[in-house]
Amino acid sequence: MSKDLTVPFSNAFLNVMPQLGLSDVMLIGKAECDKRINTPGVVVIVGLTGNVHGNVIFALSEISAKTIASTMMGMPVEEFDDMAQSAVCELSNMLAATACTDLAGMGITADISTPTLMYGSFSANASFDHVIRIEMSAQGMPFYIYVALEQK
């Protein structure tokens, strides 16, 4: 990645999460990692096309996903059912779309795909070998954003 394409994604998290009612939102750090991602429980994959292409993978534990869904829905979420999964997918849409708006400010056009949510214990592969893992936190809950993008 010639430009730091991770900044719009960390900024999106820092801006969107408080709007949803989550507090203590912070960037923990960034690091390069392998394209193979061991899931902490829930992953949502969003593809990007345009001046950049690849994917962004949002990863969090099932407990964190239920807590975030509870906050978004304004009611307790006991099971990670279809409604809770839909809320987490919508969060991923909001984060990716906000990041794409910031990318546009950098002169980079990007469109997002429909998110794909998976949960359980497995590994997922990013679209490219060069992946940056952004570790974020909201209310003490870890949240990971894996950015695997290339500029055209």
Protein backbone atom coordinates (compact mmCIF):
# COMPACT_ATOMS: atom_id res chain seq x y z
CA MET A 1 0.00 0.00 0.00
CA SER A 2 1.66 3.21 -1.13
CA LYS A 3 -0.57 5.54 0.92
CA ASP A 4 -1.55 4.64 4.46
CA LEU A 5 -4.94 3.21 3.64
CA THR A 6 -5.45 2.08 7.23
CA VAL A 7 -6.03 5.56 8.67
CA PRO A 8 -9.57 5.93 7.26
CA PHE A 9 -10.55 2.61 8.88
CA SER A 10 -9.20 3.44 12.33
CA ASN A 11 -10.74 6.92 12.10
CA ALA A 12 -14.09 5.41 11.08
CA PHE A 13 -14.07 3.23 14.20
CA LEU A 14 -13.11 6.19 16.41
CA ASN A 15 -15.95 8.29 14.96
CA VAL A 16 -18.76 5.76 14.47
CA MET A 17 -18.61 3.76 17.70
CA PRO A 18 -19.34 6.73 20.03
CA GLN A 19 -22.30 7.67 17.80
CA LEU A 20 -23.74 4.24 18.55
CA GLY A 21 -23.38 4.76 22.29
CA LEU A 22 -20.11 2.92 22.92
CA SER A 23 -17.55 4.65 25.12
CA ASP A 24 -13.82 4.46 25.76
CA VAL A 25 -13.09 4.03 22.06
CA MET A 26 -9.40 3.92 21.20
CA LEU A 27 -6.74 2.81 18.78
CA ILE A 28 -4.44 0.27 20.42
CA GLY A 29 -1.99 -0.24 17.56
CA LYS A 30 -1.23 -1.40 14.03
CA ALA A 31 0.97 -4.21 12.79
CA GLU A 32 1.65 -6.18 9.64
CA CYS A 33 0.36 -9.71 9.74
CA ASP A 34 -0.08 -12.82 7.65
CA LYS A 35 -3.06 -13.12 5.32
CA ARG A 36 -4.35 -16.04 7.43
CA ILE A 37 -6.58 -14.69 10.18
CA ASN A 38 -7.63 -16.84 13.12
CA THR A 39 -11.06 -15.65 14.08
CA PRO A 40 -11.78 -14.50 17.63
CA GLY A 41 -15.37 -15.70 17.09
CA VAL A 42 -17.06 -13.37 14.58
CA VAL A 43 -15.72 -11.97 11.32
CA VAL A 44 -17.36 -9.76 8.74
CA ILE A 45 -15.69 -9.49 5.36
CA VAL A 46 -16.33 -6.44 3.16
CA GLY A 47 -14.90 -6.23 -0.35
CA LEU A 48 -13.72 -2.96 -1.86
CA THR A 49 -13.50 -2.05 -5.53
CA GLY A 50 -12.56 1.13 -7.37
CA ASN A 51 -9.12 2.80 -7.22
CA VAL A 52 -8.36 0.25 -4.53
CA HIS A 53 -9.39 -3.38 -4.44
CA GLY A 54 -9.24 -6.11 -1.85
CA ASN A 55 -11.06 -6.63 1.39
CA VAL A 56 -11.40 -5.45 4.93
CA ILE A 57 -12.13 -7.97 7.66
CA PHE A 58 -13.70 -6.88 10.92
CA ALA A 59 -13.12 -9.38 13.74
CA LEU A 60 -14.41 -9.56 17.30
CA SER A 61 -15.48 -12.08 19.91
CA GLU A 62 -19.06 -13.34 20.02
CA ILE A 63 -19.51 -11.72 23.44
CA SER A 64 -18.33 -8.37 22.03
CA ALA A 65 -20.62 -8.81 19.01
CA LYS A 66 -23.62 -9.40 21.31
CA THR A 67 -22.69 -6.38 23.45
CA ILE A 68 -22.39 -4.14 20.39
CA ALA A 69 -25.65 -5.49 18.95
CA SER A 70 -27.36 -4.85 22.31
CA THR A 71 -26.17 -1.25 22.26
CA MET A 72 -27.21 -0.74 18.63
CA MET A 73 -30.64 -2.35 19.12
CA GLY A 74 -31.32 -0.75 22.51
CA MET A 75 -32.20 -4.08 24.12
CA PRO A 76 -30.33 -7.03 25.61
CA VAL A 77 -29.07 -9.61 23.14
CA GLU A 78 -28.79 -13.07 24.68
CA GLU A 79 -28.27 -15.10 21.49
CA PHE A 80 -26.19 -14.24 18.45
CA ASP A 81 -29.26 -14.75 16.26
CA ASP A 82 -30.23 -13.27 12.88
CA MET A 83 -31.10 -9.86 14.36
CA ALA A 84 -27.80 -9.60 16.22
CA GLN A 85 -25.90 -10.74 13.13
CA SER A 86 -27.74 -8.14 11.05
CA ALA A 87 -26.73 -5.43 13.53
CA VAL A 88 -23.06 -6.43 13.34
CA CYS A 89 -23.24 -6.48 9.52
CA GLU A 90 -24.77 -3.01 9.59
CA LEU A 91 -21.95 -1.83 11.84
CA SER A 92 -19.46 -3.19 9.30
CA ASN A 93 -21.31 -1.34 6.52
CA MET A 94 -21.17 1.88 8.52
CA LEU A 95 -17.45 1.51 9.27
CA ALA A 96 -16.54 0.61 5.67
CA ALA A 97 -18.70 3.38 4.16
CA THR A 98 -17.26 5.97 6.54
CA ALA A 99 -13.74 4.83 5.64
CA CYS A 100 -14.60 5.07 1.93
CA THR A 101 -15.72 8.65 2.44
CA ASP A 102 -12.32 9.40 4.00
CA LEU A 103 -10.58 7.58 1.14
CA ALA A 104 -12.46 9.82 -1.30
CA GLY A 105 -10.96 12.81 0.53
CA MET A 106 -7.55 11.29 -0.30
CA GLY A 107 -8.53 11.10 -3.99
CA ILE A 108 -9.25 7.37 -3.86
CA THR A 109 -12.63 6.08 -4.99
CA ALA A 110 -13.90 2.88 -3.42
CA ASP A 111 -17.19 1.03 -3.35
CA ILE A 112 -18.06 -1.64 -0.82
CA SER A 113 -19.66 -5.04 -1.29
CA THR A 114 -22.40 -6.57 0.80
CA PRO A 115 -20.80 -7.81 4.03
CA THR A 116 -20.35 -11.52 4.65
CA LEU A 117 -20.60 -12.57 8.30
CA MET A 118 -19.21 -15.83 9.65
CA TYR A 119 -18.82 -17.00 13.21
CA GLY A 120 -17.31 -19.91 15.02
CA SER A 121 -13.76 -21.20 15.30
CA PHE A 122 -11.94 -21.10 11.95
CA SER A 123 -9.35 -19.23 9.90
CA ALA A 124 -10.11 -16.75 7.15
CA ASN A 125 -7.78 -15.56 4.41
CA ALA A 126 -7.39 -11.94 3.35
CA SER A 127 -7.23 -11.21 -0.36
CA PHE A 128 -3.53 -10.24 -0.39
CA ASP A 129 -0.36 -11.30 1.41
CA HIS A 130 0.25 -7.77 2.72
CA VAL A 131 -2.24 -7.23 5.54
CA ILE A 132 -2.30 -4.57 8.24
CA ARG A 133 -4.07 -5.46 11.48
CA ILE A 134 -5.53 -2.50 13.34
CA GLU A 135 -6.32 -3.27 16.97
CA MET A 136 -9.08 -1.07 18.36
CA SER A 137 -11.03 -1.10 21.62
CA ALA A 138 -14.48 0.03 22.71
CA GLN A 139 -15.56 -0.26 26.35
CA GLY A 140 -12.57 -2.52 26.92
CA MET A 141 -13.66 -4.93 24.16
CA PRO A 142 -11.00 -5.71 21.54
CA PHE A 143 -12.01 -5.18 17.91
CA TYR A 144 -9.69 -5.96 14.98
CA ILE A 145 -9.72 -4.50 11.49
CA TYR A 146 -7.65 -6.32 8.87
CA VAL A 147 -6.94 -4.15 5.84
CA ALA A 148 -5.83 -6.02 2.69
CA LEU A 149 -6.02 -3.47 -0.13
CA GLU A 150 -4.01 -2.63 -3.21
CA GLN A 151 -4.18 0.57 -5.22
CA LYS A 152 -4.80 0.24 -8.94
